[in-house]
N, C-alpha and C. Protein backbone atom coordinates (compact mmCIF):
# COMPACT_ATOMS: atom_id res chain seq x y z
N MET A 1 10.37 11.72 19.05
CA MET A 1 10.16 12.98 19.73
C MET A 1 9.44 13.98 18.83
N LEU A 2 9.87 14.05 17.57
CA LEU A 2 9.22 15.01 16.68
C LEU A 2 7.75 14.66 16.45
N SER A 3 7.45 13.38 16.39
CA SER A 3 6.06 12.98 16.19
C SER A 3 5.18 13.37 17.37
N ASN A 4 5.71 13.19 18.56
CA ASN A 4 4.93 13.48 19.76
C ASN A 4 4.89 14.95 20.13
N TYR A 5 5.93 15.70 19.76
CA TYR A 5 6.04 17.09 20.18
C TYR A 5 6.26 18.04 19.00
N PHE A 6 5.64 17.75 17.88
CA PHE A 6 5.84 18.57 16.69
C PHE A 6 5.43 20.03 16.93
N ARG A 7 4.27 20.22 17.51
CA ARG A 7 3.78 21.60 17.76
C ARG A 7 4.75 22.35 18.67
N GLU A 8 5.17 21.72 19.74
CA GLU A 8 6.11 22.35 20.67
C GLU A 8 7.45 22.63 20.00
N PHE A 9 7.91 21.68 19.17
CA PHE A 9 9.14 21.86 18.41
C PHE A 9 9.05 23.10 17.54
N MET A 10 7.95 23.23 16.82
CA MET A 10 7.78 24.37 15.94
C MET A 10 7.75 25.68 16.72
N TYR A 11 7.03 25.72 17.83
CA TYR A 11 6.96 26.95 18.61
C TYR A 11 8.32 27.31 19.22
N PHE A 12 9.10 26.33 19.59
CA PHE A 12 10.40 26.60 20.19
C PHE A 12 11.41 27.10 19.15
N PHE A 13 11.52 26.38 18.02
CA PHE A 13 12.55 26.70 17.04
C PHE A 13 12.09 27.68 15.95
N PHE A 14 10.80 27.65 15.61
CA PHE A 14 10.29 28.47 14.52
C PHE A 14 8.96 29.13 14.92
N PRO A 15 8.98 29.98 15.93
CA PRO A 15 7.72 30.54 16.46
C PRO A 15 6.93 31.33 15.41
N TRP A 16 7.61 32.02 14.50
CA TRP A 16 6.90 32.80 13.47
C TRP A 16 6.15 31.87 12.53
N ALA A 17 6.72 30.71 12.23
CA ALA A 17 6.04 29.74 11.36
C ALA A 17 4.92 29.04 12.11
N ALA A 18 5.15 28.70 13.37
CA ALA A 18 4.14 28.02 14.18
C ALA A 18 2.89 28.87 14.33
N GLU A 19 3.07 30.17 14.43
CA GLU A 19 1.93 31.08 14.56
C GLU A 19 1.07 31.10 13.31
N ASP A 20 1.64 30.72 12.18
CA ASP A 20 0.93 30.73 10.90
C ASP A 20 0.18 29.43 10.64
N ILE A 21 0.41 28.41 11.47
CA ILE A 21 -0.23 27.11 11.28
C ILE A 21 -1.58 27.08 11.99
N ASP A 22 -2.59 26.55 11.31
CA ASP A 22 -3.91 26.35 11.91
C ASP A 22 -3.89 25.00 12.61
N TRP A 23 -3.53 25.00 13.88
CA TRP A 23 -3.36 23.77 14.64
C TRP A 23 -4.67 23.01 14.83
N ASP A 24 -5.81 23.70 14.72
CA ASP A 24 -7.10 23.02 14.83
C ASP A 24 -7.35 22.07 13.66
N LYS A 25 -6.70 22.31 12.52
CA LYS A 25 -6.85 21.44 11.35
C LYS A 25 -5.99 20.18 11.45
N GLY A 26 -5.10 20.15 12.43
CA GLY A 26 -4.23 18.99 12.59
C GLY A 26 -3.05 19.03 11.63
N HIS A 27 -2.25 17.98 11.68
CA HIS A 27 -1.10 17.85 10.79
C HIS A 27 -0.88 16.35 10.53
N SER A 28 -0.22 16.05 9.43
CA SER A 28 0.01 14.66 9.05
C SER A 28 1.48 14.46 8.71
N PHE A 29 2.04 13.36 9.18
CA PHE A 29 3.42 13.01 8.85
C PHE A 29 3.41 12.21 7.56
N LEU A 30 4.22 12.65 6.61
CA LEU A 30 4.24 12.07 5.27
C LEU A 30 5.50 11.23 5.07
N ASP A 31 5.69 10.23 5.90
CA ASP A 31 6.90 9.42 5.85
C ASP A 31 7.05 8.68 4.52
N LYS A 32 5.98 8.13 3.97
CA LYS A 32 6.07 7.41 2.70
C LYS A 32 6.37 8.36 1.56
N GLU A 33 5.76 9.53 1.57
CA GLU A 33 6.03 10.52 0.54
C GLU A 33 7.48 11.00 0.61
N LEU A 34 8.00 11.12 1.82
CA LEU A 34 9.38 11.56 2.00
C LEU A 34 10.35 10.54 1.40
N GLN A 35 10.10 9.27 1.63
CA GLN A 35 10.97 8.23 1.09
C GLN A 35 11.01 8.26 -0.43
N GLN A 36 9.93 8.70 -1.06
CA GLN A 36 9.87 8.74 -2.52
C GLN A 36 10.69 9.88 -3.11
N VAL A 37 10.92 10.95 -2.33
CA VAL A 37 11.63 12.10 -2.88
C VAL A 37 13.09 12.16 -2.46
N VAL A 38 13.53 11.27 -1.57
CA VAL A 38 14.92 11.26 -1.15
C VAL A 38 15.77 10.69 -2.28
N ARG A 39 16.89 11.33 -2.53
CA ARG A 39 17.77 10.85 -3.59
C ARG A 39 19.21 10.84 -3.07
N ASN A 40 20.10 10.23 -3.82
CA ASN A 40 21.51 10.22 -3.44
C ASN A 40 22.10 11.59 -3.66
N ALA A 41 22.89 12.03 -2.69
CA ALA A 41 23.59 13.31 -2.79
C ALA A 41 25.07 13.02 -3.00
N GLU A 42 25.86 14.06 -3.15
CA GLU A 42 27.29 13.91 -3.41
C GLU A 42 27.98 13.10 -2.32
N LEU A 43 27.57 13.26 -1.08
CA LEU A 43 28.23 12.57 0.03
C LEU A 43 27.44 11.36 0.51
N GLY A 44 26.58 10.81 -0.30
CA GLY A 44 25.82 9.63 0.10
C GLY A 44 24.37 9.99 0.35
N LYS A 45 23.60 9.02 0.79
CA LYS A 45 22.17 9.24 1.00
C LYS A 45 21.94 10.20 2.16
N ARG A 46 20.91 11.01 2.01
CA ARG A 46 20.50 11.96 3.04
C ARG A 46 19.06 11.65 3.39
N TYR A 47 18.74 11.69 4.64
CA TYR A 47 17.36 11.50 5.05
C TYR A 47 16.96 12.61 6.00
N ALA A 48 15.94 13.35 5.65
CA ALA A 48 15.37 14.30 6.59
C ALA A 48 14.51 13.49 7.55
N ASP A 49 14.41 13.95 8.75
CA ASP A 49 13.70 13.18 9.76
C ASP A 49 12.20 13.14 9.54
N LYS A 50 11.62 14.26 9.17
CA LYS A 50 10.16 14.30 9.04
C LYS A 50 9.74 15.23 7.91
N LEU A 51 8.68 14.82 7.23
CA LEU A 51 7.98 15.68 6.30
C LEU A 51 6.55 15.75 6.84
N VAL A 52 6.09 16.97 7.11
CA VAL A 52 4.81 17.14 7.79
C VAL A 52 3.90 18.04 6.96
N GLN A 53 2.68 17.58 6.73
CA GLN A 53 1.68 18.39 6.06
C GLN A 53 0.93 19.19 7.11
N VAL A 54 0.86 20.50 6.91
CA VAL A 54 0.11 21.37 7.81
C VAL A 54 -0.81 22.26 6.96
N PHE A 55 -1.72 22.92 7.63
CA PHE A 55 -2.58 23.90 6.97
C PHE A 55 -2.35 25.24 7.64
N ARG A 56 -2.13 26.23 6.79
CA ARG A 56 -1.88 27.58 7.29
C ARG A 56 -3.21 28.25 7.63
N LYS A 57 -3.13 29.31 8.38
CA LYS A 57 -4.34 30.05 8.76
C LYS A 57 -5.05 30.65 7.57
N ASP A 58 -4.34 30.84 6.45
CA ASP A 58 -4.99 31.36 5.24
C ASP A 58 -5.63 30.23 4.42
N LYS A 59 -5.71 29.04 5.01
CA LYS A 59 -6.38 27.86 4.44
C LYS A 59 -5.55 27.13 3.39
N THR A 60 -4.30 27.52 3.16
CA THR A 60 -3.47 26.83 2.18
C THR A 60 -2.72 25.68 2.86
N GLU A 61 -2.42 24.68 2.07
CA GLU A 61 -1.64 23.54 2.54
C GLU A 61 -0.16 23.87 2.43
N ALA A 62 0.62 23.39 3.39
CA ALA A 62 2.08 23.57 3.33
C ALA A 62 2.74 22.29 3.84
N TRP A 63 3.96 22.06 3.39
CA TRP A 63 4.74 20.93 3.87
C TRP A 63 5.95 21.48 4.62
N VAL A 64 6.22 20.90 5.78
CA VAL A 64 7.36 21.30 6.60
C VAL A 64 8.36 20.15 6.56
N LEU A 65 9.57 20.43 6.10
CA LEU A 65 10.63 19.44 6.02
C LEU A 65 11.59 19.69 7.17
N ILE A 66 11.77 18.70 8.04
CA ILE A 66 12.61 18.86 9.22
C ILE A 66 13.75 17.86 9.17
N HIS A 67 14.96 18.36 9.34
CA HIS A 67 16.13 17.49 9.44
C HIS A 67 16.88 17.87 10.70
N VAL A 68 17.07 16.91 11.58
CA VAL A 68 17.81 17.14 12.82
C VAL A 68 19.11 16.36 12.72
N GLU A 69 20.20 17.03 12.93
CA GLU A 69 21.52 16.40 12.87
C GLU A 69 22.13 16.46 14.27
N ILE A 70 22.36 15.32 14.86
CA ILE A 70 22.98 15.25 16.19
C ILE A 70 24.44 14.89 15.99
N GLN A 71 25.30 15.75 16.48
CA GLN A 71 26.75 15.58 16.29
C GLN A 71 27.36 15.18 17.63
N GLY A 72 27.83 13.94 17.73
CA GLY A 72 28.41 13.42 18.96
C GLY A 72 29.92 13.52 19.04
N GLN A 73 30.54 13.70 17.89
CA GLN A 73 32.00 13.81 17.87
C GLN A 73 32.41 14.66 16.66
N ARG A 74 33.65 15.07 16.65
CA ARG A 74 34.14 15.92 15.57
C ARG A 74 34.07 15.17 14.23
N ASP A 75 33.61 15.87 13.23
CA ASP A 75 33.51 15.32 11.89
C ASP A 75 34.01 16.40 10.92
N ALA A 76 35.11 16.14 10.28
CA ALA A 76 35.73 17.13 9.40
C ALA A 76 34.81 17.52 8.24
N ASP A 77 33.90 16.67 7.84
CA ASP A 77 33.00 16.95 6.72
C ASP A 77 31.64 17.50 7.16
N PHE A 78 31.47 17.79 8.44
CA PHE A 78 30.17 18.22 8.96
C PHE A 78 29.65 19.47 8.24
N ALA A 79 30.45 20.50 8.14
CA ALA A 79 29.99 21.75 7.51
C ALA A 79 29.62 21.50 6.05
N LYS A 80 30.38 20.70 5.35
CA LYS A 80 30.09 20.40 3.95
C LYS A 80 28.78 19.62 3.83
N ARG A 81 28.58 18.63 4.70
CA ARG A 81 27.35 17.85 4.68
C ARG A 81 26.15 18.73 4.95
N MET A 82 26.25 19.65 5.88
CA MET A 82 25.13 20.52 6.20
C MET A 82 24.83 21.48 5.04
N TYR A 83 25.88 21.94 4.36
CA TYR A 83 25.70 22.82 3.22
C TYR A 83 24.97 22.11 2.09
N ILE A 84 25.39 20.88 1.81
CA ILE A 84 24.78 20.10 0.72
C ILE A 84 23.37 19.69 1.11
């Protein structure tokens, strides 16, 4: 979903950031680069869903790191995991 609707995702959740992106320049998903920077955390491995390269309207490159956590049932460690 994030791959197909990244622009819409950004405008819905982060409209101020989406307005700063030069959408005409496109964006690239950096899945291999993301795998290289993921490390073990205190509560086990963490994986962000997407790392996306974008270009801002001021012509600078930026990376957007997106992590979506879907919670289907109560988890006593949820708040701690999100903090870490």
